[in-house]
Amino acid sequence: MLRFELEPADLLVVRFETRPGPLEDVGCASRALRRRPVRQLAEWRRLVLPRLNPDTAVGLMLQPSAGNTFGFTSPLGYQLEDGLEVVQAAAKREVREEVDDFVSDHGTLPPPLHGLSEAEPATLRQIAAGLRAMYRAAIAPVETQVDLMRDAEVALRALQIAREGLAAAINHIHPTLRLNDMVLEVDRPVHRTIRSSGRGIVFLPSPWLHDEVRVQFAAETPIKIIYPIRLPLRSDPRPERSLGRLLGGTRARLLAVLSTESGPGTNDLAVALGISAPTASEHLGILRDAQLITTRRGPDGAMHNLTSTGRQLLSLNLR
């Protein structure tokens, strides 16, 4: 069992992350491709497998089906290219420690990764190229869907925290995870106690996990807990199709567009849907009255965004 002895400060900065950055998803998706197929990822696998190529092979090597992987390849919160720069600038000591952990589990490094032992720049560049290729093959086609799923999951956790408290929300995440007083326990075959740095805990829901909780921790960084979202990934979800029967086709399409853009204006939405601005405004008013969107007026006009309820409704219709 892993035991994290927490500081009071850790519980003050617990957060549930909806936008961890694409490299975190690349790591989880790569590991899922190395593991046995499961039903909830069947459509996604059929979409992704034909897209794999020699460039993606390095990304897959970094994520064996079990045991230690390379945490430095999934920095939290960075957009793709910024994150890849962080990967290529990884400190030699950090990389060396992770290489030692990897070798202790798997015996040796795959030949293309041998240069990691010295954090050779050429090897780090090759890894960055492999991660970029994996993002394009496995994440980009479903990224909007995953964002919706996370939004809905985190909204439900927030409601649970409000009703039952933080400990209850954590203890319902997964059977292998428990918060006992000031100790966070994770079921593992090894027994180890780690004293937290007081930097908090980040909970990250992931659709690519189905039977495990992954844990990452390092000095002076938050404890990172990655746990399963119990919704299937669809190769072509199009939630507006099912929502159209409930809300009407135009309003369902408006919600779908709002899920992919941040704060578009009424005219922008009208152009995207091929309708007049007054018609768009009328539909937006109905969605706003139903508390599915919010509207903020600024110097350049009205800007619209989904509410958590709107995102949850879209996510539920991905089933």
Protein backbone atom coordinates (compact mmCIF):
# COMPACT_ATOMS: atom_id res chain seq x y z
CA MET A 1 0.00 0.00 0.00
CA LEU A 2 1.10 3.54 -0.74
CA ARG A 3 0.49 5.88 2.18
CA PHE A 4 0.75 9.63 1.73
CA GLU A 5 1.04 11.46 5.03
CA LEU A 6 -0.65 14.77 4.27
CA GLU A 7 -0.17 18.26 5.59
CA PRO A 8 -3.25 20.39 6.41
CA ALA A 9 -2.18 22.60 3.49
CA ASP A 10 -2.68 19.68 1.10
CA LEU A 11 -6.41 19.57 1.73
CA LEU A 12 -6.71 23.31 1.21
CA VAL A 13 -5.48 23.04 -2.37
CA VAL A 14 -7.13 19.80 -3.50
CA ARG A 15 -8.48 20.26 -7.01
CA PHE A 16 -10.16 18.25 -9.73
CA GLU A 17 -8.54 19.02 -13.07
CA THR A 18 -10.57 19.30 -16.28
CA ARG A 19 -7.82 20.56 -18.61
CA PRO A 20 -4.60 18.74 -17.69
CA GLY A 21 -2.97 19.37 -21.04
CA PRO A 22 -2.66 16.92 -23.94
CA LEU A 23 0.54 15.21 -22.81
CA GLU A 24 -1.17 13.75 -19.75
CA ASP A 25 -3.76 12.24 -22.06
CA VAL A 26 -1.06 10.97 -24.43
CA GLY A 27 0.46 9.01 -21.56
CA CYS A 28 -2.82 7.45 -20.43
CA ALA A 29 -3.93 6.68 -23.98
CA SER A 30 -0.59 5.07 -24.84
CA ARG A 31 -0.82 2.85 -21.78
CA ALA A 32 -4.38 1.87 -22.72
CA LEU A 33 -3.18 0.80 -26.18
CA ARG A 34 -0.56 -1.44 -24.54
CA ARG A 35 -3.12 -3.11 -22.27
CA ARG A 36 -5.81 -5.67 -23.06
CA PRO A 37 -8.76 -4.24 -25.00
CA VAL A 38 -11.87 -3.28 -23.02
CA ARG A 39 -15.39 -2.57 -24.24
CA GLN A 40 -15.53 1.10 -23.30
CA LEU A 41 -12.47 1.83 -25.49
CA ALA A 42 -13.37 -0.48 -28.38
CA GLU A 43 -14.57 2.24 -30.76
CA TRP A 44 -11.65 4.49 -29.87
CA ARG A 45 -9.15 1.68 -30.53
CA ARG A 46 -10.68 1.01 -33.95
CA LEU A 47 -10.30 4.71 -34.73
CA VAL A 48 -6.71 4.99 -33.50
CA LEU A 49 -4.97 1.76 -34.53
CA PRO A 50 -4.88 2.60 -38.27
CA ARG A 51 -3.33 5.97 -37.38
CA LEU A 52 -0.32 4.48 -35.59
CA ASN A 53 2.97 4.68 -37.47
CA PRO A 54 6.73 4.45 -36.80
CA ASP A 55 6.70 7.93 -35.25
CA THR A 56 4.22 6.85 -32.56
CA ALA A 57 6.32 3.83 -31.53
CA VAL A 58 8.48 5.83 -29.10
CA GLY A 59 5.38 7.21 -27.38
CA LEU A 60 4.13 3.67 -26.83
CA MET A 61 7.52 2.51 -25.48
CA LEU A 62 7.29 5.08 -22.69
CA GLN A 63 4.07 3.52 -21.37
CA PRO A 64 4.28 -0.24 -20.73
CA SER A 65 1.07 -2.00 -19.77
CA ALA A 66 2.01 -2.22 -16.09
CA GLY A 67 4.58 -0.88 -13.65
CA ASN A 68 6.54 2.35 -13.67
CA THR A 69 6.39 4.77 -16.57
CA PHE A 70 8.06 8.13 -17.26
CA GLY A 71 6.28 10.93 -15.43
CA PHE A 72 8.48 13.67 -16.89
CA THR A 73 6.84 13.07 -20.29
CA SER A 74 3.42 14.24 -19.04
CA PRO A 75 3.85 17.69 -17.45
CA LEU A 76 0.54 18.95 -16.10
CA GLY A 77 -1.25 21.99 -17.50
CA TYR A 78 0.82 22.75 -20.61
CA GLN A 79 -0.45 23.05 -24.15
CA LEU A 80 1.16 20.64 -26.59
CA GLU A 81 4.19 22.52 -27.89
CA ASP A 82 4.96 24.19 -24.54
CA GLY A 83 4.74 20.79 -22.85
CA LEU A 84 7.09 19.24 -25.38
CA GLU A 85 9.62 21.97 -24.62
CA VAL A 86 9.35 21.09 -20.92
CA VAL A 87 9.96 17.42 -21.76
CA GLN A 88 13.08 18.26 -23.76
CA ALA A 89 14.40 20.45 -20.92
CA ALA A 90 13.93 17.77 -18.24
CA ALA A 91 16.67 17.74 -15.62
CA LYS A 92 19.17 14.90 -15.91
CA ARG A 93 18.72 13.89 -12.25
CA GLU A 94 14.93 13.64 -12.63
CA VAL A 95 15.23 11.57 -15.79
CA ARG A 96 17.87 9.33 -14.24
CA GLU A 97 15.65 8.56 -11.24
CA GLU A 98 12.77 7.63 -13.51
CA VAL A 99 15.04 5.47 -15.67
CA ASP A 100 16.17 3.59 -12.54
CA ASP A 101 12.54 2.99 -11.50
CA PHE A 102 11.63 1.86 -15.02
CA VAL A 103 14.56 -0.56 -15.23
CA SER A 104 13.78 -2.00 -11.79
CA ASP A 105 10.31 -2.91 -13.08
CA HIS A 106 11.04 -3.87 -16.68
CA GLY A 107 14.66 -5.01 -16.70
CA THR A 108 16.00 -2.74 -19.42
CA LEU A 109 15.26 0.26 -21.59
CA PRO A 110 14.07 -0.35 -25.17
CA PRO A 111 16.97 0.43 -27.55
CA PRO A 112 15.52 3.73 -28.85
CA LEU A 113 15.42 4.99 -25.25
CA HIS A 114 18.97 4.05 -24.24
CA GLY A 115 20.06 7.68 -24.42
CA LEU A 116 17.65 8.51 -21.60
CA SER A 117 20.18 7.24 -19.09
CA GLU A 118 22.16 10.44 -19.73
CA ALA A 119 19.18 12.58 -20.77
CA GLU A 120 20.80 12.97 -24.19
CA PRO A 121 19.23 15.88 -26.14
CA ALA A 122 18.82 13.75 -29.28
CA THR A 123 16.85 11.13 -27.35
CA LEU A 124 14.67 13.79 -25.70
CA ARG A 125 13.95 15.29 -29.14
CA GLN A 126 13.01 11.84 -30.44
CA ILE A 127 10.67 11.38 -27.47
CA ALA A 128 9.06 14.77 -28.08
CA ALA A 129 8.44 13.83 -31.72
CA GLY A 130 6.89 10.53 -30.64
CA LEU A 131 4.61 12.25 -28.13
CA ARG A 132 3.49 14.75 -30.78
CA ALA A 133 2.68 11.90 -33.17
CA MET A 134 0.72 10.06 -30.46
CA TYR A 135 -1.28 13.20 -29.72
CA ARG A 136 -2.29 13.55 -33.36
CA ALA A 137 -3.19 9.86 -33.68
CA ALA A 138 -4.92 9.15 -30.38
CA ILE A 139 -6.03 12.38 -28.68
CA ALA A 140 -6.86 15.02 -31.27
CA PRO A 141 -9.79 13.07 -32.81
CA VAL A 142 -11.59 12.80 -29.43
CA GLU A 143 -10.27 15.82 -27.51
CA THR A 144 -13.55 17.76 -27.49
CA GLN A 145 -15.45 14.70 -26.31
CA VAL A 146 -12.96 14.11 -23.50
CA ASP A 147 -13.24 17.74 -22.38
CA LEU A 148 -17.01 17.33 -22.10
CA MET A 149 -16.67 14.10 -20.15
CA ARG A 150 -14.28 15.70 -17.69
CA ASP A 151 -16.46 18.75 -17.24
CA ALA A 152 -19.42 16.55 -16.34
CA GLU A 153 -17.38 14.35 -13.99
CA VAL A 154 -15.88 17.29 -12.13
CA ALA A 155 -19.26 19.02 -11.87
CA LEU A 156 -20.66 15.91 -10.20
CA ARG A 157 -17.69 15.74 -7.79
CA ALA A 158 -18.18 19.40 -6.88
CA LEU A 159 -21.81 18.70 -6.07
CA GLN A 160 -20.80 15.71 -3.95
CA ILE A 161 -18.27 17.81 -2.04
CA ALA A 162 -20.93 20.43 -1.37
CA ARG A 163 -23.37 17.81 -0.08
CA GLU A 164 -21.13 15.28 1.69
CA GLY A 165 -17.69 16.84 2.13
CA LEU A 166 -14.27 16.33 0.56
CA ALA A 167 -13.48 13.00 2.25
CA ALA A 168 -16.68 11.41 0.95
CA ALA A 169 -15.96 12.62 -2.59
CA ILE A 170 -12.43 11.19 -2.49
CA ASN A 171 -13.53 7.88 -0.99
CA HIS A 172 -16.09 7.38 -3.76
CA ILE A 173 -13.59 7.89 -6.59
CA HIS A 174 -12.28 4.32 -6.73
CA PRO A 175 -12.26 1.25 -4.42
CA THR A 176 -8.45 1.32 -4.19
CA LEU A 177 -8.31 4.92 -2.91
CA ARG A 178 -9.10 6.10 0.64
CA LEU A 179 -8.65 9.22 2.77
CA ASN A 180 -8.26 8.29 6.44
CA ASP A 181 -7.84 11.40 8.56
CA MET A 182 -4.62 12.93 7.21
CA VAL A 183 -3.43 9.86 5.30
CA LEU A 184 -4.25 9.16 1.64
CA GLU A 185 -4.01 5.43 0.96
CA VAL A 186 -3.70 3.76 -2.44
CA ASP A 187 -3.79 -0.03 -2.73
CA ARG A 188 -0.54 -1.27 -4.26
CA PRO A 189 1.48 -4.50 -3.97
CA VAL A 190 4.42 -2.51 -2.53
CA HIS A 191 4.38 -0.90 0.92
CA ARG A 192 5.70 2.62 1.10
CA THR A 193 4.97 5.76 3.12
CA ILE A 194 5.61 9.17 1.57
CA ARG A 195 5.42 12.45 3.42
CA SER A 196 3.68 15.05 1.30
CA SER A 197 5.38 18.28 0.32
CA GLY A 198 2.23 20.23 1.22
CA ARG A 199 1.66 21.19 -2.43
CA GLY A 200 -1.80 19.63 -2.57
CA ILE A 201 -3.49 16.85 -4.52
CA VAL A 202 -4.65 16.96 -8.12
CA PHE A 203 -7.38 14.49 -9.11
CA LEU A 204 -7.53 13.88 -12.82
CA PRO A 205 -10.40 11.89 -14.39
CA SER A 206 -9.37 9.93 -17.47
CA PRO A 207 -11.47 7.90 -19.95
CA TRP A 208 -8.46 5.72 -20.78
CA LEU A 209 -8.31 4.09 -17.36
CA HIS A 210 -10.81 1.37 -16.49
CA ASP A 211 -9.44 -0.80 -13.68
CA GLU A 212 -6.69 1.18 -11.99
CA VAL A 213 -5.75 4.42 -10.31
CA ARG A 214 -2.41 5.86 -11.36
CA VAL A 215 -0.31 7.90 -8.93
CA GLN A 216 2.51 10.32 -9.69
CA PHE A 217 4.49 12.21 -7.10
CA ALA A 218 7.76 14.10 -6.92
CA ALA A 219 9.38 16.56 -4.56
CA GLU A 220 7.86 20.04 -4.51
CA THR A 221 4.93 19.07 -6.76
CA PRO A 222 1.32 18.11 -5.99
CA ILE A 223 0.39 14.46 -5.66
CA LYS A 224 -1.34 13.50 -8.90
CA ILE A 225 -4.13 10.89 -8.82
CA ILE A 226 -5.47 9.75 -12.20
CA TYR A 227 -8.72 7.79 -12.02
CA PRO A 228 -11.27 6.29 -14.45
CA ILE A 229 -14.26 8.03 -15.99
CA ARG A 230 -16.89 5.35 -16.53
CA LEU A 231 -18.10 6.53 -19.93
CA PRO A 232 -17.20 5.01 -23.30
CA LEU A 233 -15.20 6.93 -25.88
CA ARG A 234 -17.13 7.08 -29.14
CA SER A 235 -15.48 7.36 -32.54
CA ASP A 236 -18.27 9.69 -33.74
CA PRO A 237 -20.34 10.77 -30.73
CA ARG A 238 -22.20 13.82 -32.14
CA PRO A 239 -24.28 14.42 -29.00
CA GLU A 240 -26.38 17.04 -30.80
CA ARG A 241 -28.16 14.22 -32.67
CA SER A 242 -29.80 12.87 -29.51
CA LEU A 243 -30.16 16.31 -27.93
CA GLY A 244 -31.93 17.52 -31.05
CA ARG A 245 -34.96 15.41 -30.16
CA LEU A 246 -35.12 17.14 -26.77
CA LEU A 247 -34.07 20.73 -27.49
CA GLY A 248 -34.54 21.08 -31.21
CA GLY A 249 -31.82 20.73 -33.81
CA THR A 250 -30.63 24.35 -33.86
CA ARG A 251 -30.31 24.66 -30.08
CA ALA A 252 -28.54 21.31 -29.86
CA ARG A 253 -26.05 22.44 -32.52
CA LEU A 254 -25.51 25.70 -30.64
CA LEU A 255 -24.54 23.74 -27.52
CA ALA A 256 -22.18 21.58 -29.56
CA VAL A 257 -20.45 24.63 -31.04
CA LEU A 258 -20.18 26.29 -27.62
CA SER A 259 -18.43 23.16 -26.32
CA THR A 260 -15.55 23.76 -28.73
CA GLU A 261 -15.17 27.54 -28.52
CA SER A 262 -14.56 29.99 -25.70
CA GLY A 263 -16.91 32.97 -25.54
CA PRO A 264 -18.08 33.30 -29.16
CA GLY A 265 -20.39 36.17 -30.02
CA THR A 266 -23.92 35.92 -31.36
CA ASN A 267 -22.84 36.79 -34.91
CA ASP A 268 -20.05 34.18 -34.81
CA LEU A 269 -22.54 31.50 -33.76
CA ALA A 270 -25.01 32.58 -36.42
CA VAL A 271 -22.34 32.23 -39.11
CA ALA A 272 -21.22 28.83 -37.75
CA LEU A 273 -24.79 27.49 -37.95
CA GLY A 274 -25.82 29.31 -41.14
CA ILE A 275 -28.69 31.19 -39.50
CA SER A 276 -29.48 34.87 -39.00
CA ALA A 277 -28.22 36.74 -35.95
CA PRO A 278 -31.79 37.44 -34.66
CA THR A 279 -32.61 33.71 -34.93
CA ALA A 280 -29.41 32.80 -33.08
CA SER A 281 -30.21 35.38 -30.40
CA GLU A 282 -33.69 33.90 -29.89
CA HIS A 283 -32.34 30.36 -29.48
CA LEU A 284 -29.56 31.56 -27.16
CA GLY A 285 -32.16 33.28 -24.98
CA ILE A 286 -34.04 29.99 -24.57
CA LEU A 287 -30.82 28.15 -23.66
CA ARG A 288 -29.94 30.90 -21.20
CA ASP A 289 -33.36 30.70 -19.54
CA ALA A 290 -32.81 26.96 -19.15
CA GLN A 291 -29.44 27.69 -17.44
CA LEU A 292 -27.53 25.78 -20.11
CA ILE A 293 -25.49 28.84 -21.16
CA THR A 294 -24.38 32.14 -19.71
CA THR A 295 -24.10 35.44 -21.57
CA ARG A 296 -21.65 38.20 -20.72
CA ARG A 297 -21.90 41.58 -22.38
CA GLY A 298 -18.73 43.49 -23.14
CA PRO A 299 -17.57 46.33 -25.39
CA ASP A 300 -17.59 44.01 -28.41
CA GLY A 301 -21.07 42.60 -27.75
CA ALA A 302 -22.49 39.51 -26.08
CA MET A 303 -20.27 36.47 -25.47
CA HIS A 304 -21.73 33.08 -24.66
CA ASN A 305 -20.41 30.07 -22.72
CA LEU A 306 -21.78 26.72 -21.58
CA THR A 307 -22.68 26.32 -17.91
CA SER A 308 -21.64 23.20 -16.02
CA THR A 309 -25.21 21.95 -16.52
CA GLY A 310 -24.91 22.46 -20.26
CA ARG A 311 -21.64 20.57 -20.40
CA GLN A 312 -23.04 17.77 -18.29
CA LEU A 313 -26.05 17.46 -20.59
CA LEU A 314 -23.76 17.20 -23.61
CA SER A 315 -21.57 14.65 -21.85
CA LEU A 316 -24.48 12.42 -20.85
CA ASN A 317 -25.56 12.34 -24.48
CA LEU A 318 -22.17 10.93 -25.48
CA ARG A 319 -23.29 7.56 -24.13
